[in-house]
Amino acid sequence: MVSLPIFIILLGILVSVANLTASSWNYEPTEQTIETLDADTSVTFKNTTGKALAKKGDYEVTKRYVVINAKRPSTGEIQRIKVLIREPKGAGGNRPGVVFMHGAGYGTCDNSFGDMATDLSSAGFVTAVLDKPVWSTNDATRDYPGSAVIYDQVIDLLRGMDTVDASEVGIYATSESTWISSYLLQRDPDVVFQVLLSPMVYEPRYSLGFLAAQDFALVGAHDGYQSIVRRVFGIDASLFGLTNLDIDTLTPKAYAIPTLVAYGTKDVMTAQVEGTEKIVDLAHKAGNRNVTIRTYPIANHVLRLGDEANSGTPFADAYEDDVVDWAVGTTQGLTQTSERVAGTRMYQSIAVPLELKANRGLTIYLVALHVGMVLLLLIVGLLWLVVLARKIWARAHGRRYRLGMARGFKNSLVTLTIATMATFVLFCAGLGDVIMGVVKLAWGSAPAENPGVMYWSWPVIQVVCIAVVWAWSRVFMRLIEEASHRGIVQWPPRKGAIGEIVSGRQPVLASTRFGRVMFWLTVVAMFSVLLVFAFWGLFIY
C-alpha cells in the first residue's frame, strides 16, 4: 500500500521528463528514389574545336611546393600552409586550373587528392592542393567563411601563374568543404566550374541529423537510440559559442556555375535524393542549366571502393575518367551530349529532418542535469573512498569501523548503487558500440550481421530501470515505516522525536551524521542518473 504509490510517483516523474524532453521527427517520405536516364556514367561532348580533347595521361606531371601565410580574417591568426602545385609538362600556357578543397579532418597537401589531382594535371590542368586551413579550430569550431577566404587566396595564386588562364579556374570540393564552397562562390563569382563529391547540401543540423538517424538504423541499433539523435540535434549550440550547426549555405549563387555532382551508392552520409533536387532547384534559380549528376555503384562517401580505413582504396569504376572528361569539355565551352543524370538509381531511406530546431530551454536543462550528475557522482565517489580509507585505518589499528547505518539500509544502498551504475555503464557501452558501428559504416565497411549490445542493451536497460525504481520505492517505504515507528509521520509529531533522530539517539537511517549525509547524497546522485536516462528517452515505452 505504501511501496506502490511511491513507485508510481517516481516512475511518473521519470516518464514525464522523458516525454517532455522528446523531440518530434518525421521520417516521411521514406525510400525516395531518382531514376537515372542512362546506366553509363561517361561524359561526352560535341567537339567543334577540330582537335582531339585532352584525356587522362596525355601529359607527364611535375610537382612543386609553394608556402603561403593563411591569415584567419576573424582573429588575425596565421597558419603557414604548403600548397602542392601539379603542372602538365610541356603543355604550354593558358591552362585551366583546379583548387582542391578538403572534407572533414586534417588533410594536408601531401596526403590528400593525390590521384585525382595527378589525373587532372595529366589532362592539361594546373592543380593546387593545400594543407587544410584549420588554425586553432577543431571539428566543432571550423571557420567556414575564413576557410573560404584561404581557398580563394590559392585560387588567386593559380590565376597569377604564367601557365594558367585566369578565367578558367574551378574547384573540386568534397563532403564538408561543400559548405565552404558556398561561401567561396558568394565572394568569388569568377570561379568557372565546380566538381562536388558527396555534397552535404543542407545546413549541418539537418545534414548531420540525417546522417546519424540513417546510420543508427543501418548498423542495427535499437530504435530507442534514435531518441538520442533527436535530442542531440535539438541542442542550441550557440550557447557554447558554436554557430556552425545553423550556417546558411542554401543560396543560388553556390550553384550558379557549371556543376558536376558525384555520389556513391554506399555513401551512408548524404541525403542524395533531396540533395540533388535542392542543387538542381537552386541552380535553376540562378539561371544555370549546366548541372551533371553521376552515381556510382558500390562506392562510399569519397567514391572509393572498400573500407576507407584501409589505405590505397581505388576510386569507383570510371569516376576519374568522368571527372577529367567533364572538366575538359566544360572548360572548352563545349555542348554536353551525354545524359545529365546517369549511373545507378539514387536512393534515400528517410527524409531530411527539416523540422529540427535549436531548443534553448532543452539545452540548458541538458547541461544542468549532466553537470549536476557528474558533480554528485564525484562527491559520492569521494565519500565512499573516505569510508574505505577509514575501514582500512581501523582494521590496521585492530578496530572495527561502523558507518552507523540502521539495519538493512546499508546493504540496500550499496546494492542499488551498484545496480544503477552498472546500468549506466551498459548504456554507455551500447551507445559507444552504435557510434563505432556508424564510424565503420562511414568508412565503407559493411554493418555487422549481429548488432549485439547496440540492439539488446536498450530494452534491457529499460527493464532494469523499472526494477531499480521499484527497489528505491521499497527503500523509501522502509524509511516511512521507520519514521512512523519513531512518531514522525503523525501530526503533531511525537514530542522529542525529531530531536532524537537529528541527534542520532533514535536514528531512522544512521546513528552518525556522516552516514546520513552519505545516504541522501547517494540517493540524490542515483536519482540524477535515472533523470539522465529519462532525458535520453529510456523511460518512453
Protein backbone atom coordinates (compact mmCIF):
# COMPACT_ATOMS: atom_id res chain seq x y z
CA MET A 1 0.00 0.00 0.00
CA VAL A 2 2.96 2.32 0.54
CA SER A 3 5.53 1.00 -1.96
CA LEU A 4 3.18 1.01 -4.95
CA PRO A 5 2.18 4.72 -4.74
CA ILE A 6 5.83 5.70 -4.26
CA PHE A 7 6.80 3.57 -7.27
CA ILE A 8 4.05 5.15 -9.40
CA ILE A 9 5.12 8.66 -8.38
CA LEU A 10 8.81 8.03 -9.11
CA LEU A 11 8.08 6.32 -12.42
CA GLY A 12 5.60 9.07 -13.33
CA ILE A 13 8.28 11.72 -12.77
CA LEU A 14 10.77 9.88 -14.97
CA VAL A 15 8.25 9.13 -17.73
CA SER A 16 7.12 12.77 -17.70
CA VAL A 17 10.70 14.01 -18.03
CA ALA A 18 11.28 11.60 -20.92
CA ASN A 19 8.22 12.79 -22.81
CA LEU A 20 8.69 16.49 -22.06
CA THR A 21 12.23 16.41 -23.44
CA ALA A 22 11.30 14.37 -26.52
CA SER A 23 11.72 15.97 -29.96
CA SER A 24 9.35 15.32 -32.84
CA TRP A 25 10.82 13.89 -36.02
CA ASN A 26 9.05 12.96 -39.22
CA TYR A 27 10.93 10.33 -41.24
CA GLU A 28 8.48 10.55 -44.15
CA PRO A 29 8.72 10.22 -47.04
CA THR A 30 10.84 7.10 -46.83
CA GLU A 31 12.64 5.24 -49.63
CA GLN A 32 12.82 8.17 -52.06
CA THR A 33 14.46 7.48 -55.42
CA ILE A 34 15.57 9.23 -58.59
CA GLU A 35 15.82 7.12 -61.71
CA THR A 36 18.84 7.90 -63.88
CA LEU A 37 18.49 8.31 -67.63
CA ASP A 38 21.46 6.12 -68.53
CA ALA A 39 23.48 3.50 -66.67
CA ASP A 40 26.64 4.65 -68.46
CA THR A 41 28.38 7.41 -66.45
CA SER A 42 30.64 8.54 -69.33
CA VAL A 43 30.62 12.27 -70.04
CA THR A 44 30.79 13.20 -73.72
CA PHE A 45 30.70 16.47 -75.66
CA LYS A 46 30.13 17.63 -79.20
CA ASN A 47 33.67 18.52 -80.23
CA THR A 48 33.65 21.52 -82.55
CA THR A 49 37.29 22.50 -81.99
CA GLY A 50 38.70 20.23 -84.68
CA LYS A 51 41.24 18.94 -82.18
CA ALA A 52 41.21 15.84 -80.01
CA LEU A 53 40.12 16.58 -76.46
CA ALA A 54 42.71 16.02 -73.75
CA LYS A 55 42.49 12.78 -71.80
CA LYS A 56 43.92 11.46 -68.57
CA GLY A 57 47.54 10.51 -69.12
CA ASP A 58 48.26 12.83 -72.05
CA TYR A 59 50.99 14.70 -70.14
CA GLU A 60 53.66 13.94 -67.63
CA VAL A 61 53.09 15.73 -64.36
CA THR A 62 55.59 17.86 -62.46
CA LYS A 63 55.26 18.89 -58.82
CA ARG A 64 56.47 21.80 -56.76
CA TYR A 65 55.58 23.42 -53.44
CA VAL A 66 54.60 26.97 -52.54
CA VAL A 67 54.21 28.21 -48.96
CA ILE A 68 51.65 30.87 -48.10
CA ASN A 69 50.61 32.67 -44.93
CA ALA A 70 46.92 31.94 -44.33
CA LYS A 71 45.51 34.73 -42.17
CA ARG A 72 42.25 33.98 -40.42
CA PRO A 73 40.03 37.01 -41.09
CA SER A 74 38.14 36.92 -37.78
CA THR A 75 41.18 36.73 -35.49
CA GLY A 76 44.29 37.54 -37.50
CA GLU A 77 45.77 34.13 -36.61
CA ILE A 78 48.39 32.95 -39.13
CA GLN A 79 48.82 29.39 -40.37
CA ARG A 80 51.78 28.53 -42.59
CA ILE A 81 50.28 26.44 -45.38
CA LYS A 82 52.04 24.38 -48.02
CA VAL A 83 50.47 24.27 -51.46
CA LEU A 84 51.36 21.41 -53.79
CA ILE A 85 51.23 22.59 -57.41
CA ARG A 86 50.97 19.96 -60.14
CA GLU A 87 51.50 21.03 -63.76
CA PRO A 88 51.32 19.24 -67.12
CA LYS A 89 54.85 19.08 -68.50
CA GLY A 90 55.16 20.70 -71.91
CA ALA A 91 51.51 21.73 -72.14
CA GLY A 92 52.28 25.40 -72.69
CA GLY A 93 50.41 28.36 -71.23
CA ASN A 94 46.79 29.35 -70.72
CA ARG A 95 45.95 26.12 -68.94
CA PRO A 96 42.79 25.72 -66.86
CA GLY A 97 43.28 25.35 -63.12
CA VAL A 98 41.65 23.47 -60.25
CA VAL A 99 41.88 24.07 -56.49
CA PHE A 100 41.03 21.13 -54.23
CA MET A 101 39.01 21.66 -51.05
CA HIS A 102 39.28 19.27 -48.09
CA GLY A 103 36.49 17.36 -46.37
CA ALA A 104 36.40 16.67 -42.63
CA GLY A 105 39.60 16.01 -40.70
CA TYR A 106 43.06 17.49 -41.01
CA GLY A 107 44.17 16.77 -44.56
CA THR A 108 47.49 18.02 -45.90
CA CYS A 109 48.70 18.72 -49.41
CA ASP A 110 50.74 15.51 -49.37
CA ASN A 111 48.09 13.02 -48.18
CA SER A 112 45.03 14.33 -49.99
CA PHE A 113 43.69 14.22 -53.57
CA GLY A 114 46.94 12.85 -54.99
CA ASP A 115 45.36 10.56 -57.60
CA MET A 116 42.65 12.95 -58.79
CA ALA A 117 44.95 15.97 -58.88
CA THR A 118 47.50 13.95 -60.88
CA ASP A 119 44.78 12.75 -63.26
CA LEU A 120 43.59 16.28 -63.98
CA SER A 121 47.14 17.60 -64.40
CA SER A 122 47.90 14.76 -66.82
CA ALA A 123 44.97 16.05 -68.89
CA GLY A 124 46.34 19.60 -69.07
CA PHE A 125 45.12 21.21 -65.81
CA VAL A 126 47.27 23.05 -63.28
CA THR A 127 46.10 21.83 -59.90
CA ALA A 128 46.64 23.08 -56.36
CA VAL A 129 46.22 21.03 -53.19
CA LEU A 130 46.85 22.87 -49.94
CA ASP A 131 47.12 21.95 -46.28
CA LYS A 132 43.67 22.30 -44.81
CA PRO A 133 43.25 25.73 -43.16
CA VAL A 134 42.26 24.91 -39.59
CA TRP A 135 44.22 27.38 -37.42
CA SER A 136 43.35 26.63 -33.77
CA THR A 137 39.86 25.33 -34.57
CA ASN A 138 38.57 21.78 -34.19
CA ASP A 139 35.84 19.77 -35.91
CA ALA A 140 33.13 21.60 -33.96
CA THR A 141 34.54 25.13 -34.37
CA ARG A 142 35.66 25.15 -38.01
CA ASP A 143 35.75 28.62 -39.54
CA TYR A 144 33.94 28.05 -42.84
CA PRO A 145 33.85 31.69 -44.03
CA GLY A 146 37.51 32.08 -43.05
CA SER A 147 38.43 28.88 -44.88
CA ALA A 148 36.69 30.18 -47.98
CA VAL A 149 38.99 33.22 -47.92
CA ILE A 150 42.10 30.99 -47.89
CA TYR A 151 40.86 28.74 -50.70
CA ASP A 152 40.16 31.90 -52.68
CA GLN A 153 43.70 33.05 -51.90
CA VAL A 154 45.02 29.86 -53.54
CA ILE A 155 42.66 30.38 -56.49
CA ASP A 156 44.22 33.81 -56.95
CA LEU A 157 47.64 32.16 -56.66
CA LEU A 158 46.80 29.97 -59.66
CA ARG A 159 45.31 32.89 -61.55
CA GLY A 160 48.58 34.76 -61.17
CA MET A 161 50.69 31.98 -62.69
CA ASP A 162 52.01 32.46 -66.26
CA THR A 163 50.88 28.97 -67.25
CA VAL A 164 47.28 29.41 -66.08
CA ASP A 165 44.34 31.07 -67.83
CA ALA A 166 42.99 33.27 -65.04
CA SER A 167 39.46 33.00 -66.42
CA GLU A 168 39.42 29.17 -66.31
CA VAL A 169 39.98 28.22 -62.66
CA GLY A 170 37.50 25.93 -60.90
CA ILE A 171 37.21 23.96 -57.66
CA TYR A 172 36.95 20.35 -56.56
CA ALA A 173 35.11 20.16 -53.21
CA THR A 174 34.23 17.11 -51.16
CA SER A 175 31.88 16.49 -48.23
CA GLU A 176 32.37 19.15 -45.51
CA SER A 177 34.02 21.57 -47.93
CA THR A 178 30.79 21.81 -49.94
CA TRP A 179 29.61 24.07 -47.10
CA ILE A 180 32.76 26.16 -47.58
CA SER A 181 32.31 26.28 -51.36
CA SER A 182 29.00 28.08 -50.83
CA TYR A 183 30.82 30.92 -49.05
CA LEU A 184 33.60 30.85 -51.65
CA LEU A 185 31.27 31.26 -54.62
CA GLN A 186 29.42 34.10 -52.92
CA ARG A 187 32.67 36.03 -52.50
CA ASP A 188 34.24 35.00 -55.84
CA PRO A 189 31.76 34.74 -58.73
CA ASP A 190 34.65 34.32 -61.20
CA VAL A 191 35.17 30.66 -60.31
CA VAL A 192 34.10 28.98 -63.55
CA PHE A 193 33.19 25.38 -62.62
CA GLN A 194 32.93 23.03 -59.66
CA VAL A 195 33.10 19.31 -59.01
CA LEU A 196 31.14 18.37 -55.88
CA LEU A 197 31.93 14.96 -54.44
CA SER A 198 29.23 13.74 -52.00
CA PRO A 199 27.97 17.26 -51.21
CA MET A 200 26.24 17.75 -47.87
CA VAL A 201 23.96 20.47 -49.39
CA TYR A 202 21.75 21.18 -46.36
CA GLU A 203 22.97 23.06 -43.31
CA PRO A 204 24.86 20.94 -40.74
CA ARG A 205 21.97 20.49 -38.28
CA TYR A 206 19.88 18.82 -40.99
CA SER A 207 22.70 17.05 -42.81
CA LEU A 208 24.28 15.59 -39.67
CA GLY A 209 20.90 14.77 -38.14
CA PHE A 210 20.01 12.83 -41.28
CA LEU A 211 23.38 11.09 -41.25
CA ALA A 212 23.07 9.97 -37.63
CA ALA A 213 19.44 8.83 -37.88
CA GLN A 214 20.02 6.84 -41.05
CA ASP A 215 23.26 5.27 -39.88
CA PHE A 216 21.89 4.33 -36.44
CA ALA A 217 19.27 2.30 -38.29
CA LEU A 218 21.71 0.81 -40.81
CA VAL A 219 24.11 -0.54 -38.18
CA GLY A 220 21.22 -2.33 -36.47
CA ALA A 221 20.92 -0.17 -33.35
CA HIS A 222 17.69 -0.47 -31.38
CA ASP A 223 15.10 2.13 -32.39
CA GLY A 224 15.31 3.58 -28.89
CA TYR A 225 18.74 5.04 -29.67
CA GLN A 226 17.04 7.29 -32.24
CA SER A 227 15.71 9.35 -29.32
CA ILE A 228 19.32 10.29 -28.57
CA VAL A 229 19.78 11.57 -32.14
CA ARG A 230 16.66 13.71 -31.87
CA ARG A 231 17.73 15.31 -28.64
CA VAL A 232 21.36 15.87 -29.69
CA PHE A 233 20.33 17.73 -32.83
CA GLY A 234 17.85 19.82 -30.91
CA ILE A 235 20.70 21.40 -28.96
CA ASP A 236 21.19 25.15 -29.17
CA ALA A 237 24.95 25.07 -29.74
CA SER A 238 25.15 28.88 -29.87
CA LEU A 239 25.02 28.83 -26.06
CA PHE A 240 28.55 27.43 -26.20
CA GLY A 241 29.73 29.81 -28.92
CA LEU A 242 29.28 27.18 -31.65
CA THR A 243 27.38 28.53 -34.64
CA ASN A 244 28.24 26.04 -37.38
CA LEU A 245 25.13 23.88 -36.91
CA ASP A 246 22.92 26.58 -38.39
CA ILE A 247 25.04 28.19 -41.10
CA ASP A 248 23.08 29.23 -44.17
CA THR A 249 24.59 27.74 -47.31
CA LEU A 250 21.49 27.22 -49.43
CA THR A 251 21.97 30.07 -51.86
CA PRO A 252 21.52 30.05 -55.67
CA LYS A 253 24.97 31.65 -56.00
CA ALA A 254 26.53 28.39 -54.79
CA TYR A 255 25.25 26.63 -57.93
CA ALA A 256 25.34 29.39 -60.50
CA ILE A 257 28.26 27.83 -62.43
CA PRO A 258 28.67 24.53 -64.34
CA THR A 259 28.48 21.80 -61.70
CA LEU A 260 29.31 18.10 -61.62
CA VAL A 261 27.80 16.21 -58.65
CA ALA A 262 29.00 12.69 -57.84
CA TYR A 263 27.58 10.19 -55.32
CA GLY A 264 28.28 6.57 -54.42
CA THR A 265 25.52 4.07 -53.64
CA LYS A 266 27.31 3.02 -50.43
CA ASP A 267 27.53 6.60 -49.23
CA VAL A 268 25.61 6.49 -45.94
CA MET A 269 26.27 10.13 -45.02
CA THR A 270 24.37 12.19 -47.57
CA ALA A 271 20.72 12.72 -48.47
CA GLN A 272 21.24 12.04 -52.15
CA VAL A 273 17.69 12.40 -53.50
CA GLU A 274 16.69 15.58 -51.66
CA GLY A 275 20.23 16.94 -52.03
CA THR A 276 20.15 16.50 -55.80
CA GLU A 277 16.72 18.06 -56.04
CA LYS A 278 17.83 21.06 -53.98
CA ILE A 279 21.01 21.55 -56.05
CA VAL A 280 19.07 21.49 -59.31
CA ASP A 281 16.42 23.82 -57.91
CA LEU A 282 18.98 26.37 -56.69
CA ALA A 283 20.96 26.13 -59.94
CA HIS A 284 17.81 26.84 -61.97
CA LYS A 285 17.02 29.81 -59.74
CA ALA A 286 20.50 31.12 -60.55
CA GLY A 287 19.85 30.63 -64.28
CA ASN A 288 22.24 27.69 -64.54
CA ARG A 289 21.12 24.59 -66.52
CA ASN A 290 24.59 23.05 -66.68
CA VAL A 291 24.31 20.52 -63.81
CA THR A 292 25.52 16.95 -64.33
CA ILE A 293 24.72 14.18 -61.83
CA ARG A 294 26.63 10.91 -61.64
CA THR A 295 26.05 7.98 -59.24
CA TYR A 296 28.42 5.03 -58.92
CA PRO A 297 27.66 1.53 -57.60
CA ILE A 298 29.44 0.13 -54.51
CA ALA A 299 31.23 3.45 -53.92
CA ASN A 300 31.40 5.04 -50.47
CA HIS A 301 31.29 8.65 -49.29
CA VAL A 302 34.57 9.54 -51.01
CA LEU A 303 33.78 7.49 -54.13
CA ARG A 304 36.21 4.75 -53.11
CA LEU A 305 35.67 1.01 -53.26
CA GLY A 306 36.00 -0.85 -49.96
CA ASP A 307 36.76 0.20 -46.41
CA GLU A 308 38.25 3.70 -46.19
CA ALA A 309 40.09 2.62 -43.04
CA ASN A 310 42.42 0.76 -45.39
CA SER A 311 44.87 2.86 -47.39
CA GLY A 312 45.09 2.76 -51.15
CA THR A 313 41.44 2.03 -51.88
CA PRO A 314 40.70 2.84 -55.54
CA PHE A 315 38.08 5.14 -56.99
CA ALA A 316 34.86 3.63 -58.27
CA ASP A 317 34.60 2.48 -61.88
CA ALA A 318 35.24 5.27 -64.38
CA TYR A 319 34.88 8.12 -61.88
CA GLU A 320 38.34 9.56 -62.53
CA ASP A 321 37.85 9.49 -66.31
CA ASP A 322 34.38 11.01 -65.99
CA VAL A 323 35.65 13.93 -63.90
CA VAL A 324 38.52 14.58 -66.27
CA ASP A 325 36.32 14.38 -69.38
CA TRP A 326 33.69 16.66 -67.85
CA ALA A 327 36.26 19.23 -66.74
CA VAL A 328 37.97 19.24 -70.15
CA GLY A 329 34.75 19.64 -72.11
CA THR A 330 33.36 22.25 -69.73
CA THR A 331 36.47 24.45 -69.81
CA GLN A 332 36.45 24.18 -73.61
CA GLY A 333 32.88 25.53 -73.62
CA LEU A 334 31.54 22.50 -75.50
CA THR A 335 27.98 21.20 -75.54
CA GLN A 336 27.47 18.07 -73.48
CA THR A 337 25.92 15.17 -75.45
CA SER A 338 25.71 12.57 -72.65
CA GLU A 339 22.77 12.43 -70.26
CA ARG A 340 22.80 14.91 -67.40
CA VAL A 341 21.69 12.29 -64.84
CA ALA A 342 23.40 8.93 -65.27
CA GLY A 343 24.67 5.94 -63.34
CA THR A 344 22.92 3.86 -60.69
CA ARG A 345 19.48 4.75 -59.38
CA MET A 346 19.65 7.21 -56.47
CA TYR A 347 18.13 6.12 -53.17
CA GLN A 348 17.40 7.82 -49.85
CA SER A 349 15.99 5.90 -46.88
CA ILE A 350 14.40 8.73 -44.84
CA ALA A 351 13.61 12.41 -45.24
CA VAL A 352 15.97 15.21 -44.28
CA PRO A 353 14.80 16.36 -40.80
CA LEU A 354 13.94 19.92 -41.75
CA GLU A 355 11.73 20.30 -38.65
CA LEU A 356 14.78 20.21 -36.35
CA LYS A 357 15.21 23.47 -34.46
CA ALA A 358 17.53 24.70 -31.73
CA ASN A 359 15.84 24.36 -28.34
CA ARG A 360 17.47 26.66 -25.79
CA GLY A 361 15.42 25.51 -22.80
CA LEU A 362 16.19 21.88 -23.54
CA THR A 363 19.88 22.69 -23.88
CA ILE A 364 20.05 24.50 -20.54
CA TYR A 365 18.29 21.58 -18.84
CA LEU A 366 20.65 19.10 -20.52
CA VAL A 367 23.73 20.95 -19.29
CA ALA A 368 22.41 21.49 -15.77
CA LEU A 369 21.30 17.85 -15.46
CA HIS A 370 24.53 16.31 -16.71
CA VAL A 371 26.82 18.67 -14.82
CA GLY A 372 24.81 18.04 -11.67
CA MET A 373 25.01 14.27 -12.17
CA VAL A 374 28.77 14.35 -12.69
CA LEU A 375 29.36 16.52 -9.62
CA LEU A 376 27.13 14.35 -7.45
CA LEU A 377 28.83 11.16 -8.64
CA LEU A 378 32.24 12.66 -7.89
CA ILE A 379 31.16 13.72 -4.40
CA VAL A 380 29.58 10.34 -3.65
CA GLY A 381 32.64 8.57 -5.01
CA LEU A 382 34.86 10.59 -2.67
CA LEU A 383 32.61 9.81 0.29
CA TRP A 384 32.80 6.08 -0.40
CA LEU A 385 36.57 6.38 -0.70
CA VAL A 386 36.61 8.04 2.72
CA VAL A 387 34.61 5.11 4.12
CA LEU A 388 37.07 2.68 2.56
CA ALA A 389 40.05 4.60 3.93
CA ARG A 390 38.50 4.64 7.43
CA LYS A 391 37.84 0.90 7.29
CA ILE A 392 41.45 0.22 6.27
CA TRP A 393 42.77 2.51 9.02
CA ALA A 394 40.51 0.93 11.65
CA ARG A 395 41.49 -2.60 10.67
CA ALA A 396 45.19 -1.66 10.70
CA HIS A 397 44.74 -0.50 14.31
CA GLY A 398 42.72 -3.52 15.38
CA ARG A 399 39.45 -1.64 15.49
CA ARG A 400 36.10 -2.00 13.77
CA TYR A 401 34.74 0.92 11.79
CA ARG A 402 30.98 1.38 11.78
CA LEU A 403 29.15 3.64 9.37
CA GLY A 404 26.27 3.59 11.78
CA MET A 405 23.51 2.85 9.29
CA ALA A 406 20.34 1.22 10.51
CA ARG A 407 19.85 -2.45 9.75
CA GLY A 408 19.16 -3.15 6.06
CA PHE A 409 19.71 0.37 4.74
CA LYS A 410 23.43 -0.04 4.12
CA ASN A 411 23.01 -3.20 2.06
CA SER A 412 20.11 -1.71 0.12
CA LEU A 413 22.09 1.44 -0.59
CA VAL A 414 25.16 -0.47 -1.80
CA THR A 415 23.13 -2.90 -3.91
CA LEU A 416 21.03 -0.24 -5.61
CA THR A 417 24.03 2.00 -6.22
CA ILE A 418 25.88 -0.84 -7.91
CA ALA A 419 22.79 -1.76 -9.98
CA THR A 420 22.22 1.84 -11.09
CA MET A 421 25.84 2.42 -12.03
CA ALA A 422 26.08 -0.94 -13.82
CA THR A 423 23.06 0.11 -15.87
CA PHE A 424 24.76 3.41 -16.64
CA VAL A 425 27.88 1.57 -17.83
CA LEU A 426 25.71 -0.67 -20.03
CA PHE A 427 24.06 2.42 -21.52
CA CYS A 428 27.45 3.97 -22.31
CA ALA A 429 28.66 0.67 -23.80
CA GLY A 430 25.60 0.35 -26.02
CA LEU A 431 25.87 3.93 -27.26
CA GLY A 432 29.62 3.55 -27.81
CA ASP A 433 29.03 0.41 -29.84
CA VAL A 434 26.50 2.28 -32.00
CA ILE A 435 28.92 5.14 -32.61
CA MET A 436 31.76 2.79 -33.58
CA GLY A 437 29.40 0.95 -35.92
CA VAL A 438 28.47 4.26 -37.58
CA VAL A 439 32.14 5.22 -37.97
CA LYS A 440 32.99 1.89 -39.60
CA LEU A 441 29.94 2.21 -41.86
CA ALA A 442 31.04 5.69 -42.93
CA TRP A 443 34.47 4.28 -43.83
CA GLY A 444 32.78 1.84 -46.19
CA SER A 445 32.67 -1.40 -44.18
CA ALA A 446 29.50 -3.48 -44.03
CA PRO A 447 27.38 -3.48 -40.85
CA ALA A 448 27.71 -6.48 -38.55
CA GLU A 449 25.27 -9.30 -39.14
CA ASN A 450 24.59 -9.49 -35.40
CA PRO A 451 24.27 -5.98 -33.89
CA GLY A 452 24.84 -7.34 -30.39
CA VAL A 453 24.94 -4.91 -27.46
CA MET A 454 23.75 -1.96 -29.58
CA TYR A 455 20.42 -3.74 -30.01
CA TRP A 456 19.69 -5.66 -26.80
CA SER A 457 21.13 -3.06 -24.40
CA TRP A 458 18.22 -0.62 -24.80
CA PRO A 459 15.34 -2.93 -23.78
CA VAL A 460 17.48 -4.49 -21.04
CA ILE A 461 18.23 -1.05 -19.59
CA GLN A 462 14.52 -0.16 -19.70
CA VAL A 463 13.60 -3.30 -17.75
CA VAL A 464 16.42 -2.82 -15.24
CA CYS A 465 15.41 0.83 -14.75
CA ILE A 466 11.89 -0.24 -13.76
CA ALA A 467 13.33 -2.78 -11.31
CA VAL A 468 15.65 -0.14 -9.84
CA VAL A 469 12.79 2.35 -9.42
CA TRP A 470 10.74 -0.35 -7.68
CA ALA A 471 13.66 -1.17 -5.39
CA TRP A 472 14.10 2.51 -4.49
CA SER A 473 10.40 2.75 -3.72
CA ARG A 474 10.86 -0.14 -1.26
CA VAL A 475 13.71 1.72 0.41
CA PHE A 476 11.59 4.85 0.79
CA MET A 477 8.76 2.70 2.12
CA ARG A 478 11.08 1.41 4.85
CA LEU A 479 12.08 4.99 5.65
CA ILE A 480 8.43 5.93 6.10
CA GLU A 481 7.86 2.82 8.19
CA GLU A 482 10.78 3.65 10.48
CA ALA A 483 9.67 7.26 10.73
CA SER A 484 6.20 6.06 11.69
CA HIS A 485 7.65 3.92 14.47
CA ARG A 486 9.55 6.96 15.73
CA GLY A 487 6.40 9.12 15.73
CA ILE A 488 7.48 11.43 12.91
CA VAL A 489 4.66 10.89 10.41
CA GLN A 490 1.85 11.65 12.89
CA TRP A 491 0.55 15.18 13.48
CA PRO A 492 1.75 16.71 15.55
CA PRO A 493 4.97 14.65 15.68
CA ARG A 494 5.68 12.88 18.95
CA LYS A 495 7.41 15.20 21.37
CA GLY A 496 11.16 14.85 21.14
CA ALA A 497 11.01 12.51 18.11
CA ILE A 498 12.68 14.92 15.70
CA GLY A 499 15.39 15.74 18.20
CA GLU A 500 16.13 12.06 18.78
CA ILE A 501 16.55 11.46 15.04
CA VAL A 502 18.68 14.56 14.42
CA SER A 503 20.93 13.81 17.38
CA GLY A 504 21.25 10.14 16.38
CA ARG A 505 19.85 8.79 19.68
CA GLN A 506 16.98 7.11 17.80
CA PRO A 507 18.16 7.06 14.17
CA VAL A 508 15.98 6.20 11.20
CA LEU A 509 18.89 5.88 8.75
CA ALA A 510 22.15 6.09 10.63
CA SER A 511 23.47 6.97 14.05
CA THR A 512 26.22 9.15 12.53
CA ARG A 513 25.81 12.41 10.69
CA PHE A 514 28.31 11.22 8.10
CA GLY A 515 26.19 8.14 7.43
CA ARG A 516 23.01 10.19 7.00
CA VAL A 517 24.72 12.68 4.67
CA MET A 518 26.22 9.89 2.61
CA PHE A 519 22.88 8.10 2.31
CA TRP A 520 20.99 11.11 0.99
CA LEU A 521 23.76 12.27 -1.32
CA THR A 522 23.95 8.77 -2.79
CA VAL A 523 20.16 8.66 -3.22
CA VAL A 524 20.15 12.05 -4.99
CA ALA A 525 23.11 11.02 -7.20
CA MET A 526 21.43 7.79 -8.27
CA PHE A 527 18.16 9.60 -8.96
CA SER A 528 20.10 12.08 -11.13
CA VAL A 529 21.38 9.09 -13.14
CA LEU A 530 17.78 7.97 -13.63
CA LEU A 531 16.86 11.50 -14.71
CA VAL A 532 19.66 11.34 -17.30
CA PHE A 533 18.21 8.06 -18.56
CA ALA A 534 14.82 9.76 -18.75
CA PHE A 535 16.28 12.70 -20.69
CA TRP A 536 17.67 10.37 -23.34
CA GLY A 537 14.33 8.58 -23.72
CA LEU A 538 14.84 5.36 -21.74
CA PHE A 539 11.54 5.86 -19.93
CA ILE A 540 9.50 6.12 -23.13
CA TYR A 541 7.80 2.78 -23.65
